[in-house]
Amino acid sequence: RAQGDLHALTRPLSVTDVFNALKYKAVEGANRGGDGALVRVVASCVGVCAVILIHLSLHGEQVLYSWTILENDVALLPSTLSRVLSYGHIHVQYMWKLFYPYSLCYDHGYDCISHITSITDLRNILTIGLYAA
């Protein structure tokens, strides 16, 4: 039994695990003669659903926010290859800022980091090196 419990700690937490834990807490509270745990679980679930519905109602007809070119110009690149290469290069820039935080900026806006549009661009070597490390 103890070995199974340790194995459960090494895997990622899933939605099913959360629901099982909530169910266990509710049943445990009811078995002890109190319905307080069940009421708290139901109230928490209703509260979370209410917050989600209120949040979605603020968006109106558009549930998902559509990014503009000023917020995420890489996502609007026409080619999937350009997007993948550019995001990889951005990760290299982030890693560089972790090791050498010179000229930090609170906001990297539109066209602050140039895009990579070709597989033959030499900056791809840094991206491959980052992901290989």
N, C-alpha and C. Protein backbone atom coordinates (compact mmCIF):
# COMPACT_ATOMS: atom_id res chain seq x y z
N ARG A 1 0.83 -1.20 0.00
CA ARG A 1 0.00 0.00 0.00
C ARG A 1 0.87 1.26 0.00
N ALA A 2 1.88 1.29 0.84
CA ALA A 2 2.73 2.48 0.94
C ALA A 2 3.49 2.71 -0.36
N GLN A 3 3.89 1.63 -1.02
CA GLN A 3 4.60 1.77 -2.28
C GLN A 3 3.68 2.36 -3.35
N GLY A 4 2.42 2.00 -3.37
CA GLY A 4 1.45 2.57 -4.31
C GLY A 4 1.23 4.05 -4.07
N ASP A 5 1.24 4.44 -2.78
CA ASP A 5 1.08 5.85 -2.46
C ASP A 5 2.27 6.67 -2.95
N LEU A 6 3.47 6.11 -2.81
CA LEU A 6 4.66 6.81 -3.29
C LEU A 6 4.65 6.93 -4.80
N HIS A 7 4.17 5.88 -5.48
CA HIS A 7 4.08 5.92 -6.93
C HIS A 7 3.11 7.01 -7.39
N ALA A 8 2.03 7.20 -6.63
CA ALA A 8 1.05 8.22 -6.99
C ALA A 8 1.64 9.62 -6.91
N LEU A 9 2.65 9.81 -6.06
CA LEU A 9 3.26 11.13 -5.92
C LEU A 9 4.18 11.48 -7.09
N THR A 10 4.60 10.47 -7.84
CA THR A 10 5.56 10.72 -8.92
C THR A 10 4.89 11.03 -10.25
N ARG A 11 3.59 10.90 -10.33
CA ARG A 11 2.91 11.20 -11.60
C ARG A 11 2.23 12.56 -11.50
N PRO A 12 1.94 13.19 -12.65
CA PRO A 12 1.30 14.50 -12.61
C PRO A 12 -0.13 14.43 -12.08
N LEU A 13 -0.56 15.50 -11.47
CA LEU A 13 -1.90 15.60 -10.92
C LEU A 13 -2.89 15.79 -12.06
N SER A 14 -3.99 15.05 -12.03
CA SER A 14 -4.99 15.18 -13.09
C SER A 14 -6.29 15.72 -12.51
N VAL A 15 -7.20 16.05 -13.38
CA VAL A 15 -8.51 16.54 -12.96
C VAL A 15 -9.24 15.46 -12.18
N THR A 16 -9.09 14.21 -12.59
CA THR A 16 -9.72 13.10 -11.90
C THR A 16 -9.22 13.00 -10.46
N ASP A 17 -7.92 13.21 -10.25
CA ASP A 17 -7.37 13.17 -8.90
C ASP A 17 -8.00 14.25 -8.02
N VAL A 18 -8.20 15.43 -8.57
CA VAL A 18 -8.80 16.52 -7.80
C VAL A 18 -10.24 16.17 -7.43
N PHE A 19 -11.01 15.66 -8.40
CA PHE A 19 -12.39 15.29 -8.12
C PHE A 19 -12.46 14.15 -7.10
N ASN A 20 -11.56 13.18 -7.20
CA ASN A 20 -11.54 12.09 -6.22
C ASN A 20 -11.21 12.60 -4.83
N ALA A 21 -10.29 13.55 -4.73
CA ALA A 21 -9.95 14.13 -3.42
C ALA A 21 -11.14 14.88 -2.84
N LEU A 22 -11.85 15.64 -3.70
CA LEU A 22 -13.04 16.36 -3.22
C LEU A 22 -14.11 15.38 -2.77
N LYS A 23 -14.31 14.31 -3.54
CA LYS A 23 -15.31 13.30 -3.20
C LYS A 23 -14.94 12.62 -1.88
N TYR A 24 -13.66 12.31 -1.71
CA TYR A 24 -13.20 11.67 -0.48
C TYR A 24 -13.45 12.58 0.72
N LYS A 25 -13.15 13.87 0.58
CA LYS A 25 -13.36 14.81 1.67
C LYS A 25 -14.84 14.94 2.01
N ALA A 26 -15.69 14.96 0.99
CA ALA A 26 -17.13 15.09 1.22
C ALA A 26 -17.68 13.85 1.92
N VAL A 27 -17.27 12.66 1.46
CA VAL A 27 -17.76 11.42 2.06
C VAL A 27 -17.20 11.27 3.47
N GLU A 28 -15.94 11.64 3.67
CA GLU A 28 -15.32 11.55 5.00
C GLU A 28 -16.05 12.44 5.99
N GLY A 29 -16.41 13.65 5.55
CA GLY A 29 -17.14 14.56 6.44
C GLY A 29 -18.53 14.05 6.76
N ALA A 30 -19.20 13.46 5.77
CA ALA A 30 -20.54 12.92 6.00
C ALA A 30 -20.48 11.70 6.91
N ASN A 31 -19.45 10.88 6.81
CA ASN A 31 -19.32 9.69 7.65
C ASN A 31 -19.05 10.05 9.10
N ARG A 32 -18.45 11.19 9.34
CA ARG A 32 -18.17 11.61 10.71
C ARG A 32 -19.39 12.26 11.35
N GLY A 33 -20.49 12.25 10.67
CA GLY A 33 -21.71 12.79 11.25
C GLY A 33 -21.96 14.25 10.92
N GLY A 34 -21.14 14.83 10.07
CA GLY A 34 -21.34 16.23 9.73
C GLY A 34 -21.46 16.40 8.22
N ASP A 35 -22.37 17.24 7.81
CA ASP A 35 -22.54 17.52 6.39
C ASP A 35 -21.77 18.78 5.98
N GLY A 36 -20.94 19.29 6.87
CA GLY A 36 -20.22 20.52 6.60
C GLY A 36 -19.27 20.41 5.43
N ALA A 37 -18.58 19.27 5.30
CA ALA A 37 -17.63 19.10 4.20
C ALA A 37 -18.36 19.06 2.86
N LEU A 38 -19.48 18.36 2.81
CA LEU A 38 -20.25 18.27 1.57
C LEU A 38 -20.78 19.65 1.16
N VAL A 39 -21.25 20.39 2.12
CA VAL A 39 -21.76 21.75 1.84
C VAL A 39 -20.63 22.63 1.32
N ARG A 40 -19.45 22.53 1.94
CA ARG A 40 -18.31 23.34 1.49
C ARG A 40 -17.87 22.98 0.07
N VAL A 41 -17.87 21.67 -0.25
CA VAL A 41 -17.47 21.24 -1.58
C VAL A 41 -18.47 21.75 -2.62
N VAL A 42 -19.76 21.60 -2.33
CA VAL A 42 -20.78 22.07 -3.27
C VAL A 42 -20.72 23.59 -3.42
N ALA A 43 -20.55 24.30 -2.31
CA ALA A 43 -20.47 25.76 -2.37
C ALA A 43 -19.24 26.20 -3.15
N SER A 44 -18.12 25.51 -2.97
CA SER A 44 -16.92 25.86 -3.73
C SER A 44 -17.11 25.64 -5.22
N CYS A 45 -17.71 24.51 -5.60
CA CYS A 45 -17.94 24.23 -7.02
C CYS A 45 -18.89 25.24 -7.64
N VAL A 46 -19.95 25.58 -6.92
CA VAL A 46 -20.90 26.58 -7.43
C VAL A 46 -20.22 27.94 -7.55
N GLY A 47 -19.39 28.29 -6.56
CA GLY A 47 -18.67 29.56 -6.61
C GLY A 47 -17.72 29.64 -7.79
N VAL A 48 -16.97 28.58 -8.04
CA VAL A 48 -16.04 28.57 -9.18
C VAL A 48 -16.79 28.68 -10.50
N CYS A 49 -17.90 27.94 -10.61
CA CYS A 49 -18.70 28.03 -11.85
C CYS A 49 -19.26 29.44 -12.04
N ALA A 50 -19.68 30.08 -10.96
CA ALA A 50 -20.21 31.44 -11.06
C ALA A 50 -19.14 32.42 -11.51
N VAL A 51 -17.94 32.29 -10.97
CA VAL A 51 -16.85 33.19 -11.37
C VAL A 51 -16.51 33.00 -12.84
N ILE A 52 -16.47 31.75 -13.30
CA ILE A 52 -16.18 31.49 -14.72
C ILE A 52 -17.26 32.07 -15.61
N LEU A 53 -18.52 31.89 -15.24
CA LEU A 53 -19.61 32.43 -16.06
C LEU A 53 -19.59 33.96 -16.08
N ILE A 54 -19.32 34.58 -14.95
CA ILE A 54 -19.23 36.05 -14.91
C ILE A 54 -18.07 36.53 -15.78
N HIS A 55 -16.95 35.85 -15.67
CA HIS A 55 -15.78 36.22 -16.48
C HIS A 55 -16.08 36.10 -17.97
N LEU A 56 -16.72 35.00 -18.37
CA LEU A 56 -17.04 34.82 -19.79
C LEU A 56 -18.11 35.81 -20.26
N SER A 57 -19.00 36.23 -19.37
CA SER A 57 -20.03 37.19 -19.78
C SER A 57 -19.42 38.56 -20.09
N LEU A 58 -18.27 38.86 -19.51
CA LEU A 58 -17.62 40.14 -19.79
C LEU A 58 -17.04 40.19 -21.20
N HIS A 59 -16.81 39.03 -21.81
CA HIS A 59 -16.26 38.99 -23.16
C HIS A 59 -17.32 39.20 -24.24
N GLY A 60 -18.57 39.11 -23.89
CA GLY A 60 -19.63 39.28 -24.87
C GLY A 60 -19.68 38.09 -25.83
N GLU A 61 -19.79 38.39 -27.11
CA GLU A 61 -19.88 37.33 -28.13
C GLU A 61 -18.56 36.62 -28.36
N GLN A 62 -17.46 37.26 -28.06
CA GLN A 62 -16.14 36.72 -28.35
C GLN A 62 -15.57 36.09 -27.07
N VAL A 63 -15.65 34.75 -26.97
CA VAL A 63 -15.19 34.07 -25.77
C VAL A 63 -13.67 34.09 -25.68
N LEU A 64 -13.00 33.84 -26.78
CA LEU A 64 -11.55 33.88 -26.81
C LEU A 64 -11.08 35.25 -27.28
N TYR A 65 -10.10 35.78 -26.61
CA TYR A 65 -9.56 37.08 -26.96
C TYR A 65 -8.71 36.94 -28.22
N SER A 66 -8.91 37.81 -29.18
CA SER A 66 -8.08 37.76 -30.39
C SER A 66 -6.96 38.79 -30.22
N TRP A 67 -5.75 38.30 -30.33
CA TRP A 67 -4.58 39.14 -30.12
C TRP A 67 -4.39 40.11 -31.28
N THR A 68 -3.92 41.29 -30.97
CA THR A 68 -3.60 42.26 -32.01
C THR A 68 -2.11 42.19 -32.30
N ILE A 69 -1.69 42.85 -33.35
CA ILE A 69 -0.29 42.80 -33.75
C ILE A 69 0.61 43.46 -32.71
N LEU A 70 0.08 44.39 -31.92
CA LEU A 70 0.89 45.05 -30.90
C LEU A 70 1.11 44.18 -29.68
N GLU A 71 0.26 43.19 -29.45
CA GLU A 71 0.39 42.33 -28.28
C GLU A 71 1.19 41.06 -28.56
N ASN A 72 1.00 40.49 -29.73
CA ASN A 72 1.71 39.25 -30.07
C ASN A 72 1.86 39.20 -31.58
N ASP A 73 2.90 39.83 -32.07
CA ASP A 73 3.08 39.90 -33.51
C ASP A 73 3.55 38.57 -34.10
N VAL A 74 4.16 37.72 -33.29
CA VAL A 74 4.63 36.42 -33.80
C VAL A 74 3.45 35.51 -34.12
N ALA A 75 2.41 35.57 -33.32
CA ALA A 75 1.24 34.71 -33.55
C ALA A 75 0.54 35.04 -34.86
N LEU A 76 0.75 36.23 -35.36
CA LEU A 76 0.08 36.65 -36.59
C LEU A 76 0.95 36.48 -37.84
N LEU A 77 2.12 35.85 -37.69
CA LEU A 77 2.96 35.60 -38.86
C LEU A 77 2.25 34.62 -39.80
N PRO A 78 2.41 34.79 -41.11
CA PRO A 78 1.64 33.95 -42.04
C PRO A 78 2.10 32.50 -42.09
N SER A 79 3.36 32.24 -41.83
CA SER A 79 3.89 30.89 -41.97
C SER A 79 4.07 30.23 -40.61
N THR A 80 3.68 28.96 -40.51
CA THR A 80 3.89 28.21 -39.28
C THR A 80 5.37 28.06 -38.98
N LEU A 81 6.18 27.86 -40.00
CA LEU A 81 7.62 27.74 -39.81
C LEU A 81 8.19 29.02 -39.21
N SER A 82 7.76 30.17 -39.70
CA SER A 82 8.23 31.45 -39.15
C SER A 82 7.84 31.60 -37.69
N ARG A 83 6.62 31.19 -37.34
CA ARG A 83 6.17 31.29 -35.95
C ARG A 83 7.02 30.40 -35.04
N VAL A 84 7.25 29.15 -35.48
CA VAL A 84 8.02 28.22 -34.66
C VAL A 84 9.45 28.72 -34.47
N LEU A 85 10.08 29.14 -35.54
CA LEU A 85 11.46 29.62 -35.45
C LEU A 85 11.55 30.89 -34.62
N SER A 86 10.59 31.78 -34.77
CA SER A 86 10.62 33.04 -34.01
C SER A 86 10.38 32.80 -32.53
N TYR A 87 9.44 31.90 -32.19
CA TYR A 87 9.23 31.58 -30.78
C TYR A 87 10.47 30.93 -30.18
N GLY A 88 11.13 30.06 -30.93
CA GLY A 88 12.38 29.47 -30.44
C GLY A 88 13.44 30.52 -30.18
N HIS A 89 13.53 31.49 -31.06
CA HIS A 89 14.50 32.58 -30.88
C HIS A 89 14.14 33.45 -29.67
N ILE A 90 12.86 33.64 -29.43
CA ILE A 90 12.43 34.41 -28.26
C ILE A 90 12.83 33.67 -26.98
N HIS A 91 12.72 32.33 -27.00
CA HIS A 91 13.16 31.56 -25.83
C HIS A 91 14.65 31.74 -25.59
N VAL A 92 15.42 31.81 -26.67
CA VAL A 92 16.86 32.06 -26.54
C VAL A 92 17.08 33.44 -25.90
N GLN A 93 16.33 34.42 -26.32
CA GLN A 93 16.47 35.76 -25.75
C GLN A 93 16.12 35.76 -24.26
N TYR A 94 15.08 35.03 -23.89
CA TYR A 94 14.70 34.93 -22.47
C TYR A 94 15.82 34.28 -21.66
N MET A 95 16.39 33.19 -22.18
CA MET A 95 17.47 32.51 -21.47
C MET A 95 18.68 33.44 -21.33
N TRP A 96 18.96 34.19 -22.37
CA TRP A 96 20.08 35.12 -22.32
C TRP A 96 19.86 36.17 -21.22
N LYS A 97 18.62 36.64 -21.08
CA LYS A 97 18.31 37.62 -20.04
C LYS A 97 18.46 37.04 -18.65
N LEU A 98 18.24 35.73 -18.50
CA LEU A 98 18.45 35.10 -17.20
C LEU A 98 19.92 35.07 -16.82
N PHE A 99 20.80 34.81 -17.80
CA PHE A 99 22.22 34.72 -17.51
C PHE A 99 22.92 36.08 -17.55
N TYR A 100 22.46 36.98 -18.37
CA TYR A 100 23.10 38.28 -18.53
C TYR A 100 22.01 39.36 -18.58
N PRO A 101 21.52 39.78 -17.41
CA PRO A 101 20.37 40.70 -17.39
C PRO A 101 20.75 42.16 -17.63
N TYR A 102 21.46 42.41 -18.69
CA TYR A 102 21.82 43.77 -19.05
C TYR A 102 20.73 44.34 -19.95
N SER A 103 20.46 45.58 -19.82
CA SER A 103 19.44 46.31 -20.60
C SER A 103 18.07 45.65 -20.51
N LEU A 104 17.65 45.41 -19.27
CA LEU A 104 16.31 44.88 -19.06
C LEU A 104 15.27 45.93 -19.40
N CYS A 105 14.15 45.49 -19.86
CA CYS A 105 13.06 46.39 -20.22
C CYS A 105 11.77 45.81 -19.65
N TYR A 106 10.89 46.66 -19.16
CA TYR A 106 9.65 46.16 -18.58
C TYR A 106 8.67 45.69 -19.66
N ASP A 107 8.90 46.09 -20.88
CA ASP A 107 7.97 45.73 -21.94
C ASP A 107 8.70 45.59 -23.26
N HIS A 108 8.58 44.43 -23.86
CA HIS A 108 9.09 44.24 -25.21
C HIS A 108 7.88 44.33 -26.14
N GLY A 109 7.75 45.43 -26.81
CA GLY A 109 6.58 45.67 -27.64
C GLY A 109 6.75 45.16 -29.05
N TYR A 110 5.92 45.66 -29.91
CA TYR A 110 5.86 45.25 -31.30
C TYR A 110 7.21 45.40 -31.98
N ASP A 111 7.64 44.35 -32.62
CA ASP A 111 8.85 44.32 -33.44
C ASP A 111 10.11 44.65 -32.65
N CYS A 112 10.11 44.35 -31.37
CA CYS A 112 11.30 44.58 -30.54
C CYS A 112 12.34 43.49 -30.79
N ILE A 113 11.89 42.26 -30.96
CA ILE A 113 12.76 41.14 -31.30
C ILE A 113 12.43 40.75 -32.73
N SER A 114 13.42 40.77 -33.57
CA SER A 114 13.15 40.51 -34.99
C SER A 114 12.76 39.05 -35.21
N HIS A 115 11.96 38.84 -36.23
CA HIS A 115 11.46 37.50 -36.56
C HIS A 115 12.48 36.70 -37.36
N ILE A 116 12.35 35.40 -37.26
CA ILE A 116 13.15 34.50 -38.09
C ILE A 116 12.20 33.88 -39.11
N THR A 117 12.49 34.07 -40.36
CA THR A 117 11.61 33.59 -41.41
C THR A 117 12.22 32.49 -42.25
N SER A 118 13.49 32.18 -42.02
CA SER A 118 14.17 31.18 -42.85
C SER A 118 14.87 30.15 -41.98
N ILE A 119 14.87 28.92 -42.42
CA ILE A 119 15.55 27.86 -41.71
C ILE A 119 17.07 28.03 -41.78
N THR A 120 17.54 28.80 -42.75
CA THR A 120 18.97 29.00 -42.91
C THR A 120 19.51 30.18 -42.09
N ASP A 121 18.68 30.83 -41.33
CA ASP A 121 19.12 31.94 -40.48
C ASP A 121 20.07 31.41 -39.42
N LEU A 122 21.19 32.07 -39.23
CA LEU A 122 22.22 31.60 -38.30
C LEU A 122 21.77 31.64 -36.84
N ARG A 123 20.77 32.44 -36.51
CA ARG A 123 20.27 32.50 -35.14
C ARG A 123 19.61 31.19 -34.72
N ASN A 124 19.25 30.34 -35.68
CA ASN A 124 18.67 29.05 -35.36
C ASN A 124 19.66 28.13 -34.65
N ILE A 125 20.95 28.38 -34.82
CA ILE A 125 21.97 27.58 -34.13
C ILE A 125 21.84 27.76 -32.62
N LEU A 126 21.57 29.00 -32.19
CA LEU A 126 21.37 29.26 -30.76
C LEU A 126 20.13 28.56 -30.24
N THR A 127 19.07 28.55 -31.04
CA THR A 127 17.85 27.88 -30.64
C THR A 127 18.06 26.39 -30.48
N ILE A 128 18.75 25.78 -31.44
CA ILE A 128 19.04 24.35 -31.35
C ILE A 128 19.91 24.06 -30.13
N GLY A 129 20.87 24.93 -29.88
CA GLY A 129 21.73 24.76 -28.71
C GLY A 129 20.95 24.85 -27.40
N LEU A 130 19.98 25.77 -27.33
CA LEU A 130 19.19 25.92 -26.13
C LEU A 130 18.35 24.68 -25.88
N TYR A 131 17.68 24.20 -26.91
CA TYR A 131 16.82 23.04 -26.73
C TYR A 131 17.60 21.76 -26.55
N ALA A 132 18.82 21.71 -27.03
CA ALA A 132 19.65 20.51 -26.86
C ALA A 132 20.26 20.44 -25.47
N ALA A 133 20.36 21.60 -24.81
CA ALA A 133 21.01 21.63 -23.47
C ALA A 133 20.20 20.99 -22.40
